[in-house]
Amino acid sequence: MRERPILLNADMVRAVLNGSKTQTRRIITPQPFDRSWARHDHQIEIASGRAENGDEIDGLLAYTKSSGGEWHAFCPFGQPGDRLWVRETFRVHSRATDVATLVYKASGRQSWTEQTHRVPASVCNKPAVIEKWTPSIHMPRWASRITLEITGVRVERLTALSDDDARNEGCPAQLPHNPEDEHQARTWFRGLWSEIYGEESWQANLWVWVIEFKRVEGE
């Protein structure tokens, strides 16, 4: 079992905490290089253990062959059984002799008890600065309050997302009623994706890693 960090914004952190988010999609790098191949939904295999050339694989590898050659991409998030620790924006509220109290931006509007987390003062060091927000990208492992266990990994086109998938991505239970939209959850996810990656990314219908997970309680 290996642990790796993963970035989540405040909305997605809240969705994990309330149990509505059990999936995340991330762009595969590199994308298939053969444009004629990439226009079609050819079969992509996922392997673990050993590649065709005999190289050991520490994790999962997506691969396929086409007239343009071979293509493969290593999954940087791990494989089922591995863990992800969530990086989110936080600050050190106070530091005593033996314990430090952390505050998380995603929980800023909850009660004081719910939004704080305590860690031993001995591990509370840089880059955290008391009373200053530390961006999620710089969150160290000791400050993370959320650990996820990967339960599944697959590869698919971005727009293959179903309404159920969108709900598992953390779509709010209550959305403004729109009788003309039969796929509101999917529409919500498209808006979220475009806000982060740009509408052109959705239009390009990129290949993505679909990471399914469950929260590890008590960590």
Protein backbone atom coordinates (compact mmCIF):
# COMPACT_ATOMS: atom_id res chain seq x y z
CA MET A 1 0.00 0.00 0.00
CA ARG A 2 1.27 3.45 -0.94
CA GLU A 3 0.07 6.93 -0.01
CA ARG A 4 -0.03 9.90 -2.37
CA PRO A 5 -1.41 13.44 -2.06
CA ILE A 6 -4.42 14.70 -4.00
CA LEU A 7 -5.75 18.26 -4.28
CA LEU A 8 -9.42 19.05 -3.62
CA ASN A 9 -11.08 22.45 -3.55
CA ALA A 10 -13.29 23.53 -0.66
CA ASP A 11 -16.57 22.40 -2.25
CA MET A 12 -15.20 18.95 -2.97
CA VAL A 13 -13.73 18.65 0.54
CA ARG A 14 -17.19 19.34 1.95
CA ALA A 15 -18.67 16.74 -0.41
CA VAL A 16 -16.19 14.12 0.82
CA LEU A 17 -16.97 14.99 4.43
CA ASN A 18 -20.73 14.67 3.92
CA GLY A 19 -20.31 11.39 2.05
CA SER A 20 -21.62 12.51 -1.35
CA LYS A 21 -18.28 12.41 -3.19
CA THR A 22 -16.81 8.97 -3.91
CA GLN A 23 -15.28 9.63 -7.34
CA THR A 24 -12.84 12.05 -8.91
CA ARG A 25 -11.80 12.50 -12.54
CA ARG A 26 -8.34 13.64 -13.58
CA ILE A 27 -6.95 14.26 -17.06
CA ILE A 28 -4.66 11.52 -18.36
CA THR A 29 -1.17 12.71 -19.27
CA PRO A 30 -0.08 12.20 -21.96
CA GLN A 31 -3.23 12.02 -24.06
CA PRO A 32 -3.20 9.65 -27.06
CA PHE A 33 -0.82 11.12 -29.64
CA ASP A 34 -2.47 9.70 -32.78
CA ARG A 35 -5.26 12.14 -33.65
CA SER A 36 -7.00 9.76 -36.04
CA TRP A 37 -6.99 7.14 -33.28
CA ALA A 38 -8.07 9.64 -30.62
CA ARG A 39 -11.25 10.49 -32.52
CA HIS A 40 -12.54 6.99 -31.89
CA ASP A 41 -13.24 5.15 -28.69
CA HIS A 42 -10.71 2.37 -29.07
CA GLN A 43 -10.31 -0.06 -26.22
CA ILE A 44 -7.85 0.97 -23.54
CA GLU A 45 -6.52 -1.72 -21.26
CA ILE A 46 -5.31 -1.27 -17.70
CA ALA A 47 -2.45 -3.42 -16.49
CA SER A 48 -0.63 -3.91 -13.22
CA GLY A 49 2.43 -5.88 -12.27
CA ARG A 50 4.41 -6.09 -15.53
CA ALA A 51 4.22 -4.31 -18.89
CA GLU A 52 4.51 -6.09 -22.25
CA ASN A 53 8.17 -5.08 -22.50
CA GLY A 54 8.85 -6.79 -19.17
CA ASP A 55 9.24 -3.62 -17.10
CA GLU A 56 7.86 -3.75 -13.58
CA ILE A 57 4.87 -1.48 -12.99
CA ASP A 58 4.50 0.01 -9.53
CA GLY A 59 0.82 0.80 -9.92
CA LEU A 60 -1.48 0.87 -12.95
CA LEU A 61 -0.72 1.52 -16.61
CA ALA A 62 -3.30 2.38 -19.27
CA TYR A 63 -2.20 1.28 -22.72
CA THR A 64 -3.35 0.51 -26.25
CA LYS A 65 -2.02 0.01 -29.77
CA SER A 66 -3.10 1.61 -33.03
CA SER A 67 -1.79 2.12 -36.55
CA GLY A 68 0.06 5.13 -35.17
CA GLY A 69 1.99 3.04 -32.68
CA GLU A 70 1.70 2.27 -28.99
CA TRP A 71 0.41 4.63 -26.32
CA HIS A 72 0.55 4.31 -22.57
CA ALA A 73 0.10 6.46 -19.47
CA PHE A 74 0.98 5.68 -15.86
CA CYS A 75 -1.70 6.33 -13.25
CA PRO A 76 -0.15 8.81 -10.78
CA PHE A 77 -2.82 8.22 -8.15
CA GLY A 78 -2.21 4.55 -7.43
CA GLN A 79 -4.30 1.40 -7.60
CA PRO A 80 -7.07 -0.19 -5.51
CA GLY A 81 -5.90 -0.52 -1.92
CA ASP A 82 -3.59 2.49 -2.11
CA ARG A 83 -4.44 5.65 -0.19
CA LEU A 84 -4.75 9.33 -1.00
CA TRP A 85 -4.34 12.07 1.57
CA VAL A 86 -6.27 15.20 0.76
CA ARG A 87 -4.56 18.55 0.40
CA GLU A 88 -6.77 21.54 1.25
CA THR A 89 -6.29 25.15 2.36
CA PHE A 90 -5.60 25.44 6.10
CA ARG A 91 -3.94 27.56 8.75
CA VAL A 92 -2.40 27.01 12.16
CA HIS A 93 -4.71 28.77 14.59
CA SER A 94 -2.57 28.28 17.68
CA ARG A 95 0.43 26.36 18.91
CA ALA A 96 0.92 25.33 22.53
CA THR A 97 3.76 23.42 24.14
CA ASP A 98 2.54 20.01 23.06
CA VAL A 99 -0.31 20.54 20.58
CA ALA A 100 -1.18 22.76 17.61
CA THR A 101 -4.72 23.60 16.50
CA LEU A 102 -5.45 23.73 12.76
CA VAL A 103 -8.35 25.39 10.96
CA TYR A 104 -9.56 24.40 7.48
CA LYS A 105 -11.02 26.89 5.02
CA ALA A 106 -13.57 24.38 3.73
CA SER A 107 -15.07 24.16 7.23
CA GLY A 108 -14.92 27.88 7.98
CA ARG A 109 -18.67 28.28 8.47
CA GLN A 110 -19.13 25.28 10.73
CA SER A 111 -18.90 25.26 14.48
CA TRP A 112 -15.53 25.81 16.12
CA THR A 113 -15.35 22.16 17.23
CA GLU A 114 -16.03 20.83 13.74
CA GLN A 115 -13.60 23.07 11.90
CA THR A 116 -10.51 22.44 14.03
CA HIS A 117 -8.03 19.61 14.10
CA ARG A 118 -5.22 19.02 16.55
CA VAL A 119 -1.76 17.66 15.83
CA PRO A 120 1.36 17.25 17.99
CA ALA A 121 3.30 20.50 18.12
CA SER A 122 6.46 18.56 17.32
CA VAL A 123 5.27 17.92 13.74
CA CYS A 124 3.82 21.38 13.15
CA ASN A 125 6.55 23.09 11.17
CA LYS A 126 7.11 24.87 7.88
CA PRO A 127 5.51 25.77 5.53
CA ALA A 128 2.68 26.52 7.95
CA VAL A 129 2.68 29.94 9.61
CA ILE A 130 0.39 30.77 12.54
CA GLU A 131 -2.73 32.72 11.51
CA LYS A 132 -1.83 32.67 7.81
CA TRP A 133 -3.68 30.55 5.25
CA THR A 134 -1.50 27.91 3.62
CA PRO A 135 -2.63 27.09 0.04
CA SER A 136 -3.70 23.51 -0.54
CA ILE A 137 -0.77 22.83 -2.88
CA HIS A 138 1.60 23.44 0.05
CA MET A 139 -0.25 21.38 2.66
CA PRO A 140 2.15 18.90 4.31
CA ARG A 141 1.10 15.37 5.21
CA TRP A 142 0.88 16.10 8.94
CA ALA A 143 -1.81 18.74 8.38
CA SER A 144 -4.15 16.53 6.34
CA ARG A 145 -7.36 15.46 8.09
CA ILE A 146 -8.81 13.31 5.28
CA THR A 147 -7.46 9.98 4.04
CA LEU A 148 -9.10 8.11 1.15
CA GLU A 149 -8.71 4.49 0.08
CA ILE A 150 -8.87 3.80 -3.65
CA THR A 151 -11.53 1.19 -4.43
CA GLY A 152 -11.45 1.31 -8.22
CA VAL A 153 -9.65 2.82 -11.21
CA ARG A 154 -10.86 2.99 -14.79
CA VAL A 155 -10.24 4.99 -17.96
CA GLU A 156 -12.95 6.64 -20.04
CA ARG A 157 -13.85 9.68 -22.08
CA LEU A 158 -14.76 12.71 -20.01
CA THR A 159 -18.25 13.04 -21.50
CA ALA A 160 -19.03 9.36 -20.84
CA LEU A 161 -19.97 10.57 -17.35
CA SER A 162 -23.48 9.46 -16.35
CA ASP A 163 -25.90 11.22 -14.01
CA ASP A 164 -25.05 8.69 -11.29
CA ASP A 165 -21.35 9.39 -11.83
CA ALA A 166 -22.02 13.11 -11.48
CA ARG A 167 -23.81 12.51 -8.19
CA ASN A 168 -20.84 10.45 -7.01
CA GLU A 169 -18.60 13.37 -7.95
CA GLY A 170 -20.33 15.38 -5.24
CA CYS A 171 -23.27 16.95 -7.05
CA PRO A 172 -25.49 18.72 -4.49
CA ALA A 173 -28.69 16.86 -3.64
CA GLN A 174 -30.74 19.99 -4.28
CA LEU A 175 -30.32 21.81 -7.59
CA PRO A 176 -32.47 24.60 -9.06
CA HIS A 177 -35.36 22.87 -10.81
CA ASN A 178 -35.08 22.97 -14.59
CA PRO A 179 -37.79 20.91 -16.30
CA GLU A 180 -35.99 21.26 -19.64
CA ASP A 181 -32.82 19.60 -18.35
CA GLU A 182 -33.19 15.85 -17.83
CA HIS A 183 -29.56 15.52 -16.79
CA GLN A 184 -29.08 18.23 -14.19
CA ALA A 185 -26.40 16.38 -12.24
CA ARG A 186 -24.34 15.96 -15.40
CA THR A 187 -24.87 19.61 -16.31
CA TRP A 188 -23.67 20.59 -12.85
CA PHE A 189 -20.49 18.54 -13.28
CA ARG A 190 -19.83 20.06 -16.69
CA GLY A 191 -20.00 23.52 -15.12
CA LEU A 192 -17.65 22.48 -12.32
CA TRP A 193 -15.17 20.93 -14.76
CA SER A 194 -15.24 23.95 -17.08
CA GLU A 195 -14.66 26.28 -14.14
CA ILE A 196 -11.48 24.39 -13.26
CA TYR A 197 -10.12 23.29 -16.64
CA GLY A 198 -11.97 25.50 -19.15
CA GLU A 199 -14.92 24.74 -21.43
CA GLU A 200 -12.53 23.79 -24.23
CA SER A 201 -11.36 20.88 -22.09
CA TRP A 202 -14.91 19.52 -21.94
CA GLN A 203 -15.37 20.06 -25.68
CA ALA A 204 -12.14 18.16 -26.37
CA ASN A 205 -13.66 15.13 -24.61
CA LEU A 206 -10.34 14.11 -23.12
CA TRP A 207 -9.48 10.72 -21.71
CA VAL A 208 -9.57 10.76 -17.92
CA TRP A 209 -8.70 8.60 -14.96
CA VAL A 210 -11.80 7.78 -12.91
CA ILE A 211 -10.72 7.20 -9.33
CA GLU A 212 -13.29 5.67 -6.98
CA PHE A 213 -12.64 5.84 -3.26
CA LYS A 214 -13.99 5.57 0.25
CA ARG A 215 -13.04 7.66 3.24
CA VAL A 216 -10.82 6.02 5.85
CA GLU A 217 -12.52 6.84 9.12
CA GLY A 218 -10.49 7.86 12.13
CA GLU A 219 -7.56 9.19 10.10
